[in-house]
């Protein structure tokens, strides 16, 4: 694994919170990135928009969805 590939796997820190890009969050959750977009609109998952195209999902939001899925 190259250094660039490794850096792409690591979460981004935004305002002190661990954040993942939409595509990364979708991979962790085992869903399609469009599902993340739909869940954003439905209020099922919270996100932070850095720009119109740059969307980040917090680690806590991902963990919450994973725990709900197991319940």
C-alpha atoms as a PDB file:
ATOM      1  CA  UNK A   1       0.000   0.000   0.000  1.00  0.00           C
ATOM      2  CA  UNK A   2       1.403   3.385  -0.967  1.00  0.00           C
ATOM      3  CA  UNK A   3       1.470   6.356   1.378  1.00  0.00           C
ATOM      4  CA  UNK A   4      -1.229   8.057  -0.714  1.00  0.00           C
ATOM      5  CA  UNK A   5      -3.517   5.001  -0.460  1.00  0.00           C
ATOM      6  CA  UNK A   6      -2.927   4.859   3.282  1.00  0.00           C
ATOM      7  CA  UNK A   7      -3.767   8.546   3.727  1.00  0.00           C
ATOM      8  CA  UNK A   8      -6.988   8.087   1.740  1.00  0.00           C
ATOM      9  CA  UNK A   9      -8.113   5.380   4.192  1.00  0.00           C
ATOM     10  CA  UNK A  10      -7.638   7.557   7.255  1.00  0.00           C
ATOM     11  CA  UNK A  11     -10.469   9.744   8.483  1.00  0.00           C
ATOM     12  CA  UNK A  12     -10.279  13.522   8.161  1.00  0.00           C
ATOM     13  CA  UNK A  13     -10.396  15.732  11.231  1.00  0.00           C
ATOM     14  CA  UNK A  14     -12.917  18.556  10.907  1.00  0.00           C
ATOM     15  CA  UNK A  15     -13.579  20.858  13.864  1.00  0.00           C
ATOM     16  CA  UNK A  16     -12.109  18.251  16.195  1.00  0.00           C
ATOM     17  CA  UNK A  17     -14.321  15.395  14.958  1.00  0.00           C
ATOM     18  CA  UNK A  18     -13.240  12.352  12.987  1.00  0.00           C
ATOM     19  CA  UNK A  19     -14.932  12.548   9.595  1.00  0.00           C
ATOM     20  CA  UNK A  20     -15.125  10.325   6.532  1.00  0.00           C
ATOM     21  CA  UNK A  21     -15.961  11.256   2.965  1.00  0.00           C
ATOM     22  CA  UNK A  22     -19.343  10.052   1.746  1.00  0.00           C
ATOM     23  CA  UNK A  23     -17.796   7.256  -0.325  1.00  0.00           C
ATOM     24  CA  UNK A  24     -15.720   6.033   2.634  1.00  0.00           C
ATOM     25  CA  UNK A  25     -18.727   6.082   4.964  1.00  0.00           C
ATOM     26  CA  UNK A  26     -20.736   4.099   2.429  1.00  0.00           C
ATOM     27  CA  UNK A  27     -17.982   1.480   2.218  1.00  0.00           C
ATOM     28  CA  UNK A  28     -17.870   1.157   6.014  1.00  0.00           C
ATOM     29  CA  UNK A  29     -21.653   0.758   6.170  1.00  0.00           C
ATOM     30  CA  UNK A  30     -21.751  -1.586   3.169  1.00  0.00           C
ATOM     31  CA  UNK A  31     -24.130   0.622   1.198  1.00  0.00           C
ATOM     32  CA  UNK A  32     -24.064   2.730  -1.967  1.00  0.00           C
ATOM     33  CA  UNK A  33     -23.032   6.417  -1.678  1.00  0.00           C
ATOM     34  CA  UNK A  34     -26.444   7.392  -3.082  1.00  0.00           C
ATOM     35  CA  UNK A  35     -28.005   5.775  -0.018  1.00  0.00           C
ATOM     36  CA  UNK A  36     -25.964   8.156   2.134  1.00  0.00           C
ATOM     37  CA  UNK A  37     -27.365  11.061   0.079  1.00  0.00           C
ATOM     38  CA  UNK A  38     -30.910   9.789   0.559  1.00  0.00           C
ATOM     39  CA  UNK A  39     -30.381   9.322   4.290  1.00  0.00           C
ATOM     40  CA  UNK A  40     -29.045  12.892   4.505  1.00  0.00           C
ATOM     41  CA  UNK A  41     -32.266  14.209   2.967  1.00  0.00           C
ATOM     42  CA  UNK A  42     -34.374  11.993   5.260  1.00  0.00           C
ATOM     43  CA  UNK A  43     -32.433  13.133   8.333  1.00  0.00           C
ATOM     44  CA  UNK A  44     -31.304   9.589   9.138  1.00  0.00           C
ATOM     45  CA  UNK A  45     -27.631  10.572   9.057  1.00  0.00           C
ATOM     46  CA  UNK A  46     -26.008  13.894   9.811  1.00  0.00           C
ATOM     47  CA  UNK A  47     -23.321  15.287   7.570  1.00  0.00           C
ATOM     48  CA  UNK A  48     -21.106  18.314   7.227  1.00  0.00           C
ATOM     49  CA  UNK A  49     -20.843  20.012   3.865  1.00  0.00           C
ATOM     50  CA  UNK A  50     -17.469  21.650   3.408  1.00  0.00           C
ATOM     51  CA  UNK A  51     -18.415  22.672  -0.141  1.00  0.00           C
ATOM     52  CA  UNK A  52     -21.347  21.716  -2.350  1.00  0.00           C
ATOM     53  CA  UNK A  53     -19.514  18.599  -3.516  1.00  0.00           C
ATOM     54  CA  UNK A  54     -17.472  17.881  -0.396  1.00  0.00           C
ATOM     55  CA  UNK A  55     -19.569  16.029   2.183  1.00  0.00           C
ATOM     56  CA  UNK A  56     -18.251  14.478   5.380  1.00  0.00           C
ATOM     57  CA  UNK A  57     -19.926  11.995   7.712  1.00  0.00           C
ATOM     58  CA  UNK A  58     -18.805  11.836  11.340  1.00  0.00           C
ATOM     59  CA  UNK A  59     -17.500   8.678  12.912  1.00  0.00           C
ATOM     60  CA  UNK A  60     -20.187   9.016  15.601  1.00  0.00           C
ATOM     61  CA  UNK A  61     -22.948   9.055  12.947  1.00  0.00           C
ATOM     62  CA  UNK A  62     -21.509   5.918  11.363  1.00  0.00           C
ATOM     63  CA  UNK A  63     -21.242   4.203  14.762  1.00  0.00           C
ATOM     64  CA  UNK A  64     -24.846   5.149  15.573  1.00  0.00           C
ATOM     65  CA  UNK A  65     -26.108   3.610  12.325  1.00  0.00           C
ATOM     66  CA  UNK A  66     -24.073   0.459  12.889  1.00  0.00           C
ATOM     67  CA  UNK A  67     -25.441   0.056  16.420  1.00  0.00           C
ATOM     68  CA  UNK A  68     -29.033   0.603  15.203  1.00  0.00           C
ATOM     69  CA  UNK A  69     -28.454  -2.007  12.512  1.00  0.00           C
ATOM     70  CA  UNK A  70     -27.392  -4.574  15.116  1.00  0.00           C
ATOM     71  CA  UNK A  71     -30.329  -3.873  17.453  1.00  0.00           C
END
